[in-house]
C-alpha atoms as a PDB file:
ATOM      1  CA  UNK A   1     -73.562  78.446 184.218  1.00  0.00           C
ATOM      2  CA  UNK A   2     -73.464  74.759 185.124  1.00  0.00           C
ATOM      3  CA  UNK A   3     -76.190  75.205 187.729  1.00  0.00           C
ATOM      4  CA  UNK A   4     -78.425  76.941 185.197  1.00  0.00           C
ATOM      5  CA  UNK A   5     -77.865  74.030 182.771  1.00  0.00           C
ATOM      6  CA  UNK A   6     -78.822  71.611 185.543  1.00  0.00           C
ATOM      7  CA  UNK A   7     -82.112  73.412 186.203  1.00  0.00           C
ATOM      8  CA  UNK A   8     -82.842  73.674 182.486  1.00  0.00           C
ATOM      9  CA  UNK A   9     -82.421  69.885 182.279  1.00  0.00           C
ATOM     10  CA  UNK A  10     -84.953  69.399 185.062  1.00  0.00           C
ATOM     11  CA  UNK A  11     -88.586  69.454 183.924  1.00  0.00           C
ATOM     12  CA  UNK A  12     -89.893  69.792 187.497  1.00  0.00           C
ATOM     13  CA  UNK A  13     -88.134  73.100 188.322  1.00  0.00           C
ATOM     14  CA  UNK A  14     -88.225  76.354 186.390  1.00  0.00           C
ATOM     15  CA  UNK A  15     -86.333  79.613 186.726  1.00  0.00           C
ATOM     16  CA  UNK A  16     -88.757  82.525 186.365  1.00  0.00           C
ATOM     17  CA  UNK A  17     -87.414  86.070 186.771  1.00  0.00           C
ATOM     18  CA  UNK A  18     -84.309  84.677 188.469  1.00  0.00           C
ATOM     19  CA  UNK A  19     -86.342  82.684 191.026  1.00  0.00           C
ATOM     20  CA  UNK A  20     -86.582  78.902 191.319  1.00  0.00           C
ATOM     21  CA  UNK A  21     -90.174  77.756 190.969  1.00  0.00           C
ATOM     22  CA  UNK A  22     -91.026  74.173 191.874  1.00  0.00           C
ATOM     23  CA  UNK A  23     -93.813  72.049 193.231  1.00  0.00           C
ATOM     24  CA  UNK A  24     -93.766  71.620 197.039  1.00  0.00           C
ATOM     25  CA  UNK A  25     -91.318  68.981 198.268  1.00  0.00           C
ATOM     26  CA  UNK A  26     -89.408  68.948 194.970  1.00  0.00           C
ATOM     27  CA  UNK A  27     -85.809  68.039 195.811  1.00  0.00           C
ATOM     28  CA  UNK A  28     -83.293  70.711 194.891  1.00  0.00           C
ATOM     29  CA  UNK A  29     -80.539  68.168 194.245  1.00  0.00           C
ATOM     30  CA  UNK A  30     -81.823  65.191 192.320  1.00  0.00           C
ATOM     31  CA  UNK A  31     -80.525  62.393 190.159  1.00  0.00           C
ATOM     32  CA  UNK A  32     -80.487  62.701 186.393  1.00  0.00           C
ATOM     33  CA  UNK A  33     -82.923  59.838 185.964  1.00  0.00           C
ATOM     34  CA  UNK A  34     -86.440  60.453 184.625  1.00  0.00           C
ATOM     35  CA  UNK A  35     -88.001  60.583 188.099  1.00  0.00           C
ATOM     36  CA  UNK A  36     -85.476  63.089 189.491  1.00  0.00           C
ATOM     37  CA  UNK A  37     -85.181  61.165 192.761  1.00  0.00           C
ATOM     38  CA  UNK A  38     -83.659  63.130 195.624  1.00  0.00           C
ATOM     39  CA  UNK A  39     -79.967  62.573 196.175  1.00  0.00           C
ATOM     40  CA  UNK A  40     -79.070  61.174 199.563  1.00  0.00           C
ATOM     41  CA  UNK A  41     -77.123  63.239 202.062  1.00  0.00           C
ATOM     42  CA  UNK A  42     -74.127  60.992 201.507  1.00  0.00           C
ATOM     43  CA  UNK A  43     -74.355  61.413 197.713  1.00  0.00           C
ATOM     44  CA  UNK A  44     -74.338  65.187 198.051  1.00  0.00           C
ATOM     45  CA  UNK A  45     -71.441  65.047 200.531  1.00  0.00           C
ATOM     46  CA  UNK A  46     -69.431  62.833 198.154  1.00  0.00           C
ATOM     47  CA  UNK A  47     -70.136  65.060 195.151  1.00  0.00           C
ATOM     48  CA  UNK A  48     -69.028  68.123 197.115  1.00  0.00           C
ATOM     49  CA  UNK A  49     -65.863  66.299 198.159  1.00  0.00           C
ATOM     50  CA  UNK A  50     -65.066  65.612 194.487  1.00  0.00           C
ATOM     51  CA  UNK A  51     -65.886  69.194 193.453  1.00  0.00           C
ATOM     52  CA  UNK A  52     -63.789  70.509 196.330  1.00  0.00           C
ATOM     53  CA  UNK A  53     -60.748  68.438 195.429  1.00  0.00           C
ATOM     54  CA  UNK A  54     -60.990  69.504 191.776  1.00  0.00           C
ATOM     55  CA  UNK A  55     -61.304  73.181 192.709  1.00  0.00           C
ATOM     56  CA  UNK A  56     -58.778  73.138 195.564  1.00  0.00           C
ATOM     57  CA  UNK A  57     -61.337  73.635 198.345  1.00  0.00           C
ATOM     58  CA  UNK A  58     -60.545  70.621 200.479  1.00  0.00           C
ATOM     59  CA  UNK A  59     -63.053  71.010 203.305  1.00  0.00           C
ATOM     60  CA  UNK A  60     -66.143  71.512 201.167  1.00  0.00           C
ATOM     61  CA  UNK A  61     -69.258  70.067 202.810  1.00  0.00           C
ATOM     62  CA  UNK A  62     -73.000  70.863 202.928  1.00  0.00           C
ATOM     63  CA  UNK A  63     -72.895  72.644 206.277  1.00  0.00           C
ATOM     64  CA  UNK A  64     -70.269  75.047 204.945  1.00  0.00           C
ATOM     65  CA  UNK A  65     -72.875  76.487 202.562  1.00  0.00           C
ATOM     66  CA  UNK A  66     -75.354  76.925 205.420  1.00  0.00           C
ATOM     67  CA  UNK A  67     -72.858  78.596 207.747  1.00  0.00           C
ATOM     68  CA  UNK A  68     -71.557  80.814 204.934  1.00  0.00           C
ATOM     69  CA  UNK A  69     -75.092  81.956 204.125  1.00  0.00           C
ATOM     70  CA  UNK A  70     -75.762  82.754 207.790  1.00  0.00           C
ATOM     71  CA  UNK A  71     -72.488  84.665 208.194  1.00  0.00           C
ATOM     72  CA  UNK A  72     -72.928  86.660 204.970  1.00  0.00           C
ATOM     73  CA  UNK A  73     -76.487  87.625 205.870  1.00  0.00           C
ATOM     74  CA  UNK A  74     -75.418  88.759 209.341  1.00  0.00           C
ATOM     75  CA  UNK A  75     -72.634  90.815 207.754  1.00  0.00           C
ATOM     76  CA  UNK A  76     -75.170  92.407 205.386  1.00  0.00           C
ATOM     77  CA  UNK A  77     -77.279  93.420 208.383  1.00  0.00           C
ATOM     78  CA  UNK A  78     -80.131  90.915 208.027  1.00  0.00           C
ATOM     79  CA  UNK A  79     -81.972  90.577 211.318  1.00  0.00           C
ATOM     80  CA  UNK A  80     -80.909  87.519 213.337  1.00  0.00           C
ATOM     81  CA  UNK A  81     -84.610  86.787 213.905  1.00  0.00           C
ATOM     82  CA  UNK A  82     -85.161  86.520 210.144  1.00  0.00           C
ATOM     83  CA  UNK A  83     -82.119  84.273 209.742  1.00  0.00           C
ATOM     84  CA  UNK A  84     -83.258  82.124 212.679  1.00  0.00           C
ATOM     85  CA  UNK A  85     -86.601  81.614 210.977  1.00  0.00           C
ATOM     86  CA  UNK A  86     -85.042  80.804 207.586  1.00  0.00           C
ATOM     87  CA  UNK A  87     -82.620  78.196 208.908  1.00  0.00           C
ATOM     88  CA  UNK A  88     -85.016  76.706 211.440  1.00  0.00           C
ATOM     89  CA  UNK A  89     -83.049  77.335 214.622  1.00  0.00           C
ATOM     90  CA  UNK A  90     -85.134  77.049 217.773  1.00  0.00           C
ATOM     91  CA  UNK A  91     -83.213  79.736 219.623  1.00  0.00           C
ATOM     92  CA  UNK A  92     -81.406  82.951 218.742  1.00  0.00           C
ATOM     93  CA  UNK A  93     -78.554  81.754 220.948  1.00  0.00           C
ATOM     94  CA  UNK A  94     -77.673  79.258 218.238  1.00  0.00           C
ATOM     95  CA  UNK A  95     -76.701  82.190 215.996  1.00  0.00           C
ATOM     96  CA  UNK A  96     -74.310  83.684 218.565  1.00  0.00           C
ATOM     97  CA  UNK A  97     -71.406  81.685 217.115  1.00  0.00           C
ATOM     98  CA  UNK A  98     -72.024  83.258 213.710  1.00  0.00           C
ATOM     99  CA  UNK A  99     -72.387  86.721 215.215  1.00  0.00           C
ATOM    100  CA  UNK A 100     -68.935  86.308 216.778  1.00  0.00           C
ATOM    101  CA  UNK A 101     -67.540  85.378 213.377  1.00  0.00           C
ATOM    102  CA  UNK A 102     -69.278  88.364 211.846  1.00  0.00           C
ATOM    103  CA  UNK A 103     -67.961  90.706 214.564  1.00  0.00           C
ATOM    104  CA  UNK A 104     -64.451  89.341 214.055  1.00  0.00           C
ATOM    105  CA  UNK A 105     -64.779  89.921 210.310  1.00  0.00           C
ATOM    106  CA  UNK A 106     -65.946  93.489 210.943  1.00  0.00           C
ATOM    107  CA  UNK A 107     -62.985  94.193 213.217  1.00  0.00           C
ATOM    108  CA  UNK A 108     -60.516  92.818 210.659  1.00  0.00           C
ATOM    109  CA  UNK A 109     -62.062  94.922 207.905  1.00  0.00           C
ATOM    110  CA  UNK A 110     -62.028  98.031 210.088  1.00  0.00           C
ATOM    111  CA  UNK A 111     -58.339  97.532 210.950  1.00  0.00           C
ATOM    112  CA  UNK A 112     -57.483  96.976 207.301  1.00  0.00           C
ATOM    113  CA  UNK A 113     -59.321 100.146 206.246  1.00  0.00           C
ATOM    114  CA  UNK A 114     -57.584 102.366 208.823  1.00  0.00           C
END
Protein backbone atom coordinates (compact mmCIF):
# COMPACT_ATOMS: atom_id res chain seq x y z
CA UNK A 1 0.00 0.00 0.00
CA UNK A 2 2.81 2.41 0.85
CA UNK A 3 4.56 1.72 -2.45
CA UNK A 4 1.36 2.42 -4.38
CA UNK A 5 1.00 5.74 -2.49
CA UNK A 6 4.59 6.59 -3.42
CA UNK A 7 3.94 6.01 -7.12
CA UNK A 8 0.67 7.93 -6.97
CA UNK A 9 2.63 10.87 -5.52
CA UNK A 10 5.05 10.76 -8.43
CA UNK A 11 3.87 12.58 -11.55
CA UNK A 12 6.56 10.98 -13.74
CA UNK A 13 5.51 7.34 -13.18
CA UNK A 14 2.10 5.78 -13.65
CA UNK A 15 0.68 2.37 -12.83
CA UNK A 16 -1.39 1.12 -15.78
CA UNK A 17 -2.94 -2.36 -15.57
CA UNK A 18 -0.57 -3.22 -12.72
CA UNK A 19 2.53 -2.21 -14.71
CA UNK A 20 4.86 0.71 -14.00
CA UNK A 21 5.00 3.06 -16.96
CA UNK A 22 7.69 5.73 -17.03
CA UNK A 23 9.83 7.72 -19.39
CA UNK A 24 13.23 6.13 -20.16
CA UNK A 25 15.86 6.71 -17.48
CA UNK A 26 13.26 7.72 -14.89
CA UNK A 27 14.67 6.73 -11.49
CA UNK A 28 12.57 4.19 -9.63
CA UNK A 29 13.61 5.54 -6.23
CA UNK A 30 13.60 9.31 -6.17
CA UNK A 31 13.44 12.14 -3.69
CA UNK A 32 10.14 13.78 -2.81
CA UNK A 33 11.24 17.11 -4.22
CA UNK A 34 9.58 18.55 -7.33
CA UNK A 35 12.29 17.26 -9.67
CA UNK A 36 12.20 13.69 -8.32
CA UNK A 37 16.00 13.46 -8.34
CA UNK A 38 17.37 9.93 -8.14
CA UNK A 39 18.36 8.78 -4.68
CA UNK A 40 22.00 7.85 -4.30
CA UNK A 41 23.04 4.28 -3.65
CA UNK A 42 24.00 5.26 -0.12
CA UNK A 43 20.61 6.92 0.48
CA UNK A 44 18.79 3.77 -0.59
CA UNK A 45 21.10 1.60 1.55
CA UNK A 46 20.48 3.83 4.59
CA UNK A 47 16.71 3.83 4.07
CA UNK A 48 16.70 0.04 3.82
CA UNK A 49 18.77 -0.18 7.00
CA UNK A 50 16.15 1.93 8.82
CA UNK A 51 13.25 -0.09 7.36
CA UNK A 52 15.03 -3.31 8.26
CA UNK A 53 15.62 -2.31 11.87
CA UNK A 54 11.98 -1.23 12.25
CA UNK A 55 10.69 -4.48 10.75
CA UNK A 56 13.23 -6.78 12.42
CA UNK A 57 15.11 -7.66 9.22
CA UNK A 58 18.60 -6.64 10.24
CA UNK A 59 20.58 -7.48 7.11
CA UNK A 60 18.35 -5.70 4.62
CA UNK A 61 20.33 -4.28 1.69
CA UNK A 62 19.76 -3.63 -2.04
CA UNK A 63 21.56 -6.75 -3.23
CA UNK A 64 19.27 -8.91 -1.09
CA UNK A 65 16.34 -7.92 -3.32
CA UNK A 66 18.32 -8.82 -6.45
CA UNK A 67 19.47 -12.20 -5.14
CA UNK A 68 15.98 -12.99 -3.82
CA UNK A 69 14.47 -12.23 -7.22
CA UNK A 70 17.02 -14.46 -8.96
CA UNK A 71 16.49 -17.33 -6.51
CA UNK A 72 12.68 -17.13 -6.66
CA UNK A 73 12.68 -17.07 -10.46
CA UNK A 74 14.99 -20.09 -10.61
CA UNK A 75 12.70 -21.90 -8.17
CA UNK A 76 9.70 -21.07 -10.38
CA UNK A 77 11.50 -22.62 -13.35
CA UNK A 78 12.42 -19.45 -15.26
CA UNK A 79 15.23 -20.18 -17.69
CA UNK A 80 18.67 -19.17 -16.38
CA UNK A 81 19.33 -17.56 -19.77
CA UNK A 82 16.32 -15.26 -19.30
CA UNK A 83 17.42 -14.37 -15.77
CA UNK A 84 20.98 -13.75 -16.98
CA UNK A 85 19.66 -11.30 -19.54
CA UNK A 86 17.39 -9.52 -17.04
CA UNK A 87 20.08 -8.99 -14.42
CA UNK A 88 22.86 -8.23 -16.88
CA UNK A 89 25.27 -11.03 -15.98
CA UNK A 90 27.92 -11.65 -18.62
CA UNK A 91 28.07 -15.38 -18.00
CA UNK A 92 25.66 -18.11 -16.95
CA UNK A 93 28.32 -19.29 -14.51
CA UNK A 94 27.52 -16.28 -12.37
CA UNK A 95 24.08 -17.80 -11.69
CA UNK A 96 25.53 -21.12 -10.48
CA UNK A 97 25.61 -19.85 -6.89
CA UNK A 98 21.87 -19.16 -7.05
CA UNK A 99 21.17 -22.52 -8.68
CA UNK A 100 22.90 -24.21 -5.73
CA UNK A 101 20.68 -22.26 -3.35
CA UNK A 102 17.65 -23.23 -5.39
CA UNK A 103 18.68 -26.91 -5.45
CA UNK A 104 19.22 -26.82 -1.69
CA UNK A 105 15.78 -25.28 -1.23
CA UNK A 106 14.25 -27.99 -3.42
CA UNK A 107 15.92 -30.75 -1.40
CA UNK A 108 14.71 -29.26 1.89
CA UNK A 109 11.16 -28.98 0.56
CA UNK A 110 11.25 -32.54 -0.77
CA UNK A 111 12.46 -33.89 2.60
CA UNK A 112 9.79 -31.92 4.43
CA UNK A 113 7.05 -33.24 2.14
CA UNK A 114 8.05 -36.90 2.54
